[in-house]
Protein backbone atom coordinates (compact mmCIF):
# COMPACT_ATOMS: atom_id res chain seq x y z
CA MET A 1 13.94 0.41 -3.99
CA GLY A 2 10.48 -1.15 -4.16
CA LYS A 3 8.72 2.16 -4.81
CA GLY A 4 6.91 2.13 -8.12
CA LEU A 5 6.52 -1.64 -8.47
CA MET A 6 2.93 -0.81 -7.66
CA PRO A 7 2.20 2.79 -8.72
CA ASP A 8 1.27 5.15 -5.92
CA THR A 9 -1.99 5.77 -7.81
CA HIS A 10 -3.02 2.08 -7.70
CA PRO A 11 -6.14 1.56 -5.52
CA LEU A 12 -4.38 -1.20 -3.56
CA CYS A 13 -1.42 1.06 -2.75
CA ILE A 14 -2.16 2.40 0.74
CA SER A 15 1.15 4.14 1.48
CA ALA A 16 -0.85 7.29 2.24
CA ALA A 17 -2.26 5.39 5.23
CA ARG A 18 1.09 3.91 6.25
CA SER A 19 0.79 4.34 10.02
CA ALA A 20 -2.76 2.95 10.10
CA ALA A 21 -1.73 -0.05 7.99
CA LEU A 22 1.25 -0.89 10.19
CA ALA A 23 -0.67 -0.51 13.44
CA GLY A 24 -3.69 -2.53 12.30
CA ALA A 25 -2.05 -5.38 10.36
CA ASP A 26 -2.31 -8.88 11.81
CA VAL A 27 -0.28 -10.69 9.11
CA VAL A 28 2.50 -9.03 7.09
CA LEU A 29 4.35 -10.46 4.08
CA VAL A 30 7.79 -8.80 4.06
CA ILE A 31 9.33 -9.17 0.61
CA GLY A 32 13.08 -8.57 0.43
CA ALA A 33 12.96 -5.82 3.06
CA ARG A 34 14.55 -5.60 6.49
CA LEU A 35 12.74 -4.68 9.68
CA ASN A 36 15.08 -1.77 10.29
CA TRP A 37 14.52 1.76 11.56
CA ILE A 38 12.35 2.73 8.58
CA LEU A 39 9.91 -0.05 9.57
CA HIS A 40 10.39 0.71 13.27
CA TYR A 41 12.18 -2.61 13.79
CA GLY A 42 8.82 -4.39 13.75
CA HIS A 43 8.15 -3.19 17.29
CA GLN A 44 5.31 -1.49 19.12
CA PRO A 45 3.75 1.04 19.17
CA LYS A 46 3.94 1.31 15.37
CA TRP A 47 3.10 -2.38 15.01
CA SER A 48 0.49 -4.49 16.77
CA SER A 49 1.72 -6.72 19.60
CA ASN A 50 0.06 -9.70 17.85
CA VAL A 51 1.37 -9.13 14.33
CA LYS A 52 2.81 -12.15 12.49
CA PHE A 53 5.59 -11.65 9.93
CA ILE A 54 6.12 -13.88 6.89
CA ARG A 55 9.62 -13.13 5.60
CA ILE A 56 11.00 -13.63 2.08
CA GLU A 57 14.75 -13.14 2.42
CA ILE A 58 17.82 -14.27 0.50
CA GLU A 59 20.08 -14.16 3.59
CA PRO A 60 19.15 -16.85 6.14
CA GLU A 61 20.62 -14.89 9.06
CA ALA A 62 18.44 -11.87 8.21
CA VAL A 63 15.13 -13.74 8.44
CA ASP A 64 14.72 -13.11 12.17
CA ASP A 65 16.33 -9.65 12.41
CA ASN A 66 14.76 -7.73 15.33
CA VAL A 67 11.53 -9.79 15.21
CA LYS A 68 11.29 -13.55 14.75
CA ALA A 69 9.51 -14.62 11.58
CA GLU A 70 6.35 -16.70 11.86
CA VAL A 71 7.23 -18.23 8.47
CA ALA A 72 10.61 -17.90 6.77
CA LEU A 73 10.99 -18.33 2.99
CA VAL A 74 14.69 -18.22 2.16
CA GLY A 75 15.68 -17.67 -1.46
CA ASP A 76 15.57 -15.28 -4.40
CA VAL A 77 12.57 -12.93 -4.29
CA GLN A 78 11.73 -13.35 -7.97
CA ALA A 79 11.75 -17.15 -7.74
CA ILE A 80 9.67 -17.30 -4.56
CA MET A 81 7.12 -14.74 -5.75
CA GLY A 82 6.78 -16.71 -8.98
CA GLN A 83 6.02 -19.84 -6.98
CA LEU A 84 3.49 -18.04 -4.82
CA THR A 85 1.64 -16.36 -7.70
CA ARG A 86 1.46 -19.63 -9.67
CA GLU A 87 -0.01 -21.41 -6.65
CA LEU A 88 -2.53 -18.58 -6.11
CA ALA A 89 -3.55 -18.83 -9.76
CA LYS A 90 -4.20 -22.57 -9.31
CA GLN A 91 -6.53 -21.71 -6.44
CA GLY A 92 -8.51 -19.32 -8.61
CA HIS A 93 -7.19 -15.97 -7.42
CA ARG A 94 -7.23 -13.46 -10.27
CA ASP A 95 -4.68 -10.85 -11.29
CA ASP A 96 -5.91 -7.32 -10.54
CA THR A 97 -3.69 -5.52 -13.07
CA ALA A 98 -6.88 -4.07 -14.57
CA LEU A 99 -6.97 -1.74 -11.58
CA GLN A 100 -3.74 -0.02 -12.66
CA GLY A 101 -4.02 3.74 -12.79
CA ARG A 102 -6.99 4.04 -10.41
CA ARG A 103 -6.38 6.44 -7.54
CA PRO A 104 -6.39 5.01 -3.98
CA ASP A 105 -8.04 8.10 -2.51
CA SER A 106 -11.12 7.88 -4.75
CA LEU A 107 -12.98 5.46 -2.44
CA ASP A 108 -14.13 3.69 -5.60
CA SER A 109 -16.92 1.23 -4.79
CA ASP A 110 -16.22 -0.78 -7.98
CA ILE A 111 -13.05 -2.35 -6.57
CA LYS A 112 -13.51 -6.05 -5.81
CA LEU A 113 -11.10 -8.09 -3.70
CA LYS A 114 -11.22 -11.88 -3.91
CA ASN A 115 -12.89 -13.36 -0.79
CA THR A 116 -12.67 -10.03 1.05
CA ASP A 117 -15.02 -7.79 -0.92
CA HIS A 118 -15.18 -4.38 0.73
CA THR A 119 -13.95 -5.52 4.10
CA ALA A 120 -13.99 -3.02 6.91
CA TRP A 121 -10.19 -3.22 7.01
CA TYR A 122 -9.72 -2.23 3.38
CA GLN A 123 -12.36 0.48 3.54
CA SER A 124 -10.81 1.93 6.70
CA LEU A 125 -7.44 2.19 4.93
CA LEU A 126 -9.02 3.83 1.91
CA ALA A 127 -10.79 6.29 4.20
CA LYS A 128 -7.49 7.09 5.91
CA CYS A 129 -5.79 7.55 2.52
CA HIS A 130 -8.54 9.95 1.54
CA ALA A 131 -8.30 11.91 4.81
CA ASN A 132 -4.52 12.19 4.58
CA SER A 133 -4.78 13.22 0.95
CA GLN A 134 -7.21 15.99 1.85
CA ASN A 135 -4.90 17.14 4.63
CA MET A 136 -2.01 17.28 2.16
CA ILE A 137 -4.12 19.31 -0.25
CA GLN A 138 -5.01 21.76 2.52
CA LYS A 139 -1.34 22.24 3.41
CA SER A 140 -0.56 22.86 -0.26
CA VAL A 141 -2.95 25.80 -0.61
CA ILE A 142 -1.17 29.05 -1.41
CA PHE A 143 -3.01 31.86 0.30
CA PRO A 144 -3.18 35.32 -1.27
CA GLN A 145 -0.41 37.71 -0.38
CA ILE A 146 -1.22 40.05 2.49
CA PRO A 147 -1.47 43.63 1.18
CA SER A 148 1.48 45.66 2.45
CA LEU A 149 1.91 49.36 2.94
CA LYS A 150 5.50 48.86 1.74
CA PRO A 151 5.52 47.77 -1.90
CA TYR A 152 9.16 46.66 -1.64
CA ASP A 153 8.44 44.09 1.10
CA PRO A 154 9.35 40.55 -0.03
CA PRO A 155 6.45 38.18 -0.81
CA ARG A 156 5.29 35.66 1.76
CA PRO A 157 7.73 32.71 1.44
CA LEU A 158 6.49 29.31 0.31
CA LYS A 159 6.35 26.30 2.62
CA TYR A 160 7.38 22.76 1.67
CA HIS A 161 3.92 21.40 0.82
CA GLN A 162 3.05 24.47 -1.23
CA ALA A 163 6.28 24.32 -3.23
CA PHE A 164 6.08 20.57 -3.82
CA ALA A 165 2.48 20.83 -5.04
CA LEU A 166 3.58 23.36 -7.66
CA ILE A 167 6.58 21.30 -8.77
CA LYS A 168 4.73 18.00 -9.13
CA GLN A 169 2.11 19.59 -11.42
CA HIS A 170 4.72 19.99 -14.16
CA ILE A 171 6.93 16.89 -14.07
CA PRO A 172 5.95 13.93 -16.30
CA GLU A 173 5.07 10.52 -14.85
CA ASP A 174 8.12 8.77 -16.34
CA HIS A 175 10.65 11.05 -14.62
CA ILE A 176 13.46 9.89 -12.31
CA PHE A 177 13.17 11.56 -8.92
CA ILE A 178 16.05 12.22 -6.50
CA GLY A 179 15.27 13.40 -2.98
CA GLU A 180 17.71 14.44 -0.28
CA GLY A 181 17.63 16.46 2.91
CA ALA A 182 15.92 16.54 6.28
CA ASN A 183 12.41 17.99 6.00
CA THR A 184 12.85 18.10 2.23
CA LEU A 185 13.22 14.33 1.96
CA ASP A 186 10.68 13.46 4.66
CA ILE A 187 7.90 15.49 3.07
CA ALA A 188 8.87 14.75 -0.56
CA ARG A 189 8.56 11.01 0.08
CA SER A 190 4.86 11.45 0.84
CA MET A 191 4.06 14.09 -1.79
CA PHE A 192 5.76 13.01 -5.03
CA ASP A 193 4.04 9.99 -6.59
CA VAL A 194 6.10 7.16 -8.07
CA TYR A 195 4.63 5.44 -11.13
CA GLN A 196 7.42 3.13 -12.32
CA PRO A 197 9.98 0.93 -10.55
CA ARG A 198 13.58 2.08 -10.16
CA SER A 199 12.69 5.71 -10.65
CA ARG A 200 12.97 7.01 -7.05
CA LEU A 201 16.46 7.53 -5.63
CA ASP A 202 17.26 8.81 -2.14
CA PRO A 203 19.55 7.95 0.82
CA GLY A 204 17.25 5.08 1.81
CA THR A 205 17.96 3.15 4.99
CA GLN A 206 21.41 4.68 5.39
CA ALA A 207 20.00 8.22 5.82
CA THR A 208 23.27 9.57 4.42
CA MET A 209 23.49 13.18 3.31
CA GLY A 210 25.67 14.15 0.36
CA VAL A 211 24.61 11.43 -2.08
CA GLY A 212 21.99 13.46 -3.96
CA MET A 213 24.19 14.87 -6.71
CA GLY A 214 25.86 11.49 -7.26
CA LEU A 215 22.44 9.87 -7.65
CA ALA A 216 21.36 12.63 -10.06
CA ILE A 217 24.50 12.11 -12.18
CA ALA A 218 23.88 8.36 -12.30
CA ALA A 219 20.29 9.01 -13.40
CA GLY A 220 21.50 11.45 -16.06
CA VAL A 221 23.93 8.87 -17.46
CA LEU A 222 21.14 6.28 -17.55
CA THR A 223 18.78 8.54 -19.48
CA GLN A 224 21.54 9.19 -22.04
CA GLN A 225 22.21 5.48 -22.48
CA GLU A 226 18.53 4.65 -22.88
CA VAL A 227 18.40 6.90 -25.95
CA GLU A 228 21.77 5.77 -27.33
CA LEU A 229 20.75 2.10 -27.08
CA GLY A 230 17.42 2.78 -28.75
CA GLN A 231 15.39 1.89 -25.66
CA ARG A 232 13.69 5.29 -25.74
CA THR A 233 13.33 8.01 -28.37
CA THR A 234 13.58 10.87 -25.86
CA ARG A 235 15.41 11.27 -22.57
CA ARG A 236 13.51 10.88 -19.33
CA LYS A 237 13.47 13.94 -17.10
CA VAL A 238 15.76 13.90 -14.06
CA VAL A 239 14.37 15.92 -11.14
CA ALA A 240 16.36 16.39 -7.92
CA VAL A 241 14.66 18.10 -4.98
CA VAL A 242 17.25 18.69 -2.27
CA GLY A 243 17.62 20.63 0.96
CA ASP A 244 20.20 23.40 1.05
CA SER A 245 22.35 21.66 3.68
CA ALA A 246 22.24 18.32 1.83
CA PHE A 247 23.06 20.03 -1.46
CA GLY A 248 26.11 21.66 0.09
CA PHE A 249 27.77 18.30 0.81
CA SER A 250 28.35 17.60 -2.90
CA ALA A 251 27.32 20.79 -4.69
CA MET A 252 30.47 20.96 -6.85
CA GLU A 253 29.29 17.80 -8.65
CA VAL A 254 27.13 20.23 -10.60
CA GLU A 255 30.28 20.90 -12.63
CA THR A 256 30.49 17.18 -13.43
CA ALA A 257 26.89 17.18 -14.62
CA VAL A 258 27.38 20.30 -16.76
CA ARG A 259 30.66 19.04 -18.24
CA ASN A 260 29.03 15.78 -19.32
CA LYS A 261 25.84 17.47 -20.53
CA LEU A 262 23.68 15.44 -18.16
CA GLY A 263 20.57 17.57 -18.39
CA MET A 264 18.74 17.70 -15.07
CA LEU A 265 16.59 19.95 -12.91
CA ILE A 266 17.83 20.61 -9.37
CA VAL A 267 15.50 22.44 -6.99
CA VAL A 268 17.25 23.62 -3.82
CA MET A 269 14.83 24.11 -0.93
CA ASN A 270 16.70 26.99 0.66
CA ASN A 271 15.44 27.53 4.21
CA GLY A 272 18.89 28.47 5.50
CA GLY A 273 19.56 25.47 7.72
CA VAL A 274 18.93 21.91 8.86
CA TYR A 275 15.22 21.63 9.75
CA LYS A 276 15.15 25.32 10.62
CA GLY A 277 17.14 28.36 9.50
CA LEU A 278 17.07 32.08 10.08
CA SER A 279 15.55 34.81 7.96
CA ALA A 280 17.82 37.56 6.68
CA GLN A 281 16.22 39.92 9.20
CA GLU A 282 16.83 37.53 12.12
CA TYR A 283 20.41 36.94 11.02
CA ALA A 284 21.12 40.68 10.86
CA LYS A 285 20.09 41.06 14.53
CA LEU A 286 22.41 38.31 15.81
CA PRO A 287 25.51 39.19 17.83
CA MET A 288 28.80 38.26 16.14
CA LYS A 289 29.64 34.52 16.05
CA SER A 290 26.31 33.44 17.51
CA LEU A 291 24.83 31.64 14.49
CA PRO A 292 23.19 28.35 15.64
CA PRO A 293 25.11 25.22 14.50
CA THR A 294 22.13 23.98 12.47
CA ALA A 295 21.75 27.28 10.61
CA LEU A 296 23.36 28.35 7.34
CA LEU A 297 23.78 31.82 5.92
CA PRO A 298 20.34 32.97 4.78
CA GLU A 299 19.56 33.39 1.09
CA VAL A 300 22.78 31.87 -0.28
CA LYS A 301 22.75 32.23 -4.09
CA TYR A 302 23.00 28.54 -4.99
CA GLU A 303 21.64 29.16 -8.48
CA GLN A 304 24.87 30.99 -9.36
CA LEU A 305 26.77 27.71 -9.07
CA ALA A 306 24.94 26.48 -12.17
CA THR A 307 25.64 29.73 -13.98
CA LEU A 308 29.37 29.79 -13.26
CA CYS A 309 29.68 26.16 -14.46
CA GLY A 310 27.84 26.88 -17.70
CA GLY A 311 24.36 25.77 -16.73
CA HIS A 312 21.17 27.72 -16.05
CA GLY A 313 20.35 29.31 -12.69
CA VAL A 314 17.01 30.60 -11.43
CA LEU A 315 16.33 32.47 -8.18
CA ALA A 316 12.74 32.00 -7.03
CA ARG A 317 10.71 33.56 -4.22
CA LYS A 318 7.21 33.75 -5.69
CA PRO A 319 5.08 30.77 -6.82
CA GLU A 320 5.16 31.93 -10.43
CA GLU A 321 8.97 32.19 -10.33
CA LEU A 322 9.22 28.63 -9.05
CA VAL A 323 6.87 27.34 -11.77
CA GLN A 324 8.75 29.20 -14.52
CA GLY A 325 12.05 27.83 -13.24
CA VAL A 326 10.74 24.25 -13.16
CA ILE A 327 9.28 24.46 -16.67
CA SER A 328 12.43 26.00 -18.15
CA GLY A 329 14.57 23.42 -16.34
CA LEU A 330 12.57 20.56 -17.84
CA VAL A 331 12.77 22.03 -21.35
CA ASN A 332 16.51 22.68 -20.99
CA GLN A 333 17.16 19.01 -20.28
CA ASP A 334 16.54 18.11 -23.92
CA GLN A 335 19.72 20.05 -24.75
CA GLY A 336 21.67 18.52 -21.87
CA VAL A 337 21.49 21.72 -19.80
CA VAL A 338 21.69 21.57 -16.01
CA THR A 339 19.29 23.92 -14.22
CA ILE A 340 19.35 24.93 -10.55
CA VAL A 341 16.23 26.57 -9.14
CA ASN A 342 17.11 28.18 -5.80
CA LEU A 343 13.84 28.55 -3.89
CA LEU A 344 14.09 31.02 -1.01
CA MET A 345 11.43 29.56 1.24
CA GLU A 346 10.16 29.90 4.78
CA PRO A 347 13.18 29.48 7.09
CA GLY A 348 11.56 27.51 9.92
CA GLY A 349 8.51 26.14 11.62
CA GLN A 350 8.63 22.50 10.46
CA LYS A 351 8.82 20.02 13.31
CA LYS A 352 11.64 17.50 13.23
CA LEU A 353 10.60 13.99 12.23
CA GLU A 354 10.34 11.58 15.17
CA PHE A 355 10.12 7.78 15.11
CA GLY A 356 8.30 5.59 17.61
CA TRP A 357 11.40 3.55 18.39
CA LEU A 358 13.42 6.74 18.90
CA ALA A 359 10.80 8.26 21.19
CA SER A 360 10.68 5.07 23.30
CA THR A 361 14.47 5.11 23.58
CA LYS A 362 14.37 8.68 24.87
CA LYS A 363 11.79 7.71 27.49
CA GLU A 364 14.00 4.88 28.74
CA LYS A 365 16.98 7.22 29.02
CA SER A 366 14.92 9.79 30.93
CA LYS A 367 13.95 7.09 33.46
CA LEU A 368 17.61 6.31 34.03
């Protein structure tokens, strides 16, 4: 819920170096967040053994959840942050809002931090942001198609990073983004920048699948109301990027969106399963009733769900088909049209996300 309060492009936003920041921090101000599984419960190895947590929390019993707070500030976040910023201003600390819009991976030497100008810590985080950004760019490169002796062979399928890089090139900064899925959500969280608060919706700490279409509908209603109340002259774009399995939990809500003319773009990352699916060729070779439990039927025509409900459906395999589908889906939103782009992508190969606390739990169980 805090994403976008500081834009991902702000030079002091170091989310691209998340692991390095967590592991190297000695003092952490936790503002209205819980040290739950997303923050690895505040435990090693993701955090330093000597880290000190300052907690701002409205619930007194939550101040020491999982890790005891060094300092506990109990109360409303807005009130406490107001007190802190006023006190900092009295001490001469300036507001760095002038840095808004500057990219964190630029390693800009003009950035000045009060009392800590160009510290090794800050520079190391910027360097890590830059390295991770370059790695992301490398993964997003779409290599030329391999010449085939069979002209009817399907094109090389896109991977997650490649597809996301193409999508993000065409969506405006003030969009509302909905993410849902396994690999889809994990990778989308790091690739799609957030520029404004309350514009990123996903399962969050609950990690619940099936909420994506409900979140997209809520966003569509909001964008309608913003125009009706005169808060905006045009509707913000609603973009939902969902995995095929996650989409299946609540796919019929597309009818609700179409019926209420809640224009939105839904991109289904169709890899035929949870984390890993099967290609059509692999599926054809399987003995009867031997489909793995995490696999779905390959190449399901999800785009036809939009068509049968009265929306717009696009089947995409090639990069240009994906781009055309995204652009048309964004344009269609102005008329309240719901668009589903069904991207038939690479069925497998992405490693399942692992957490430090989960890995340590597995080690303990193996010892037993």
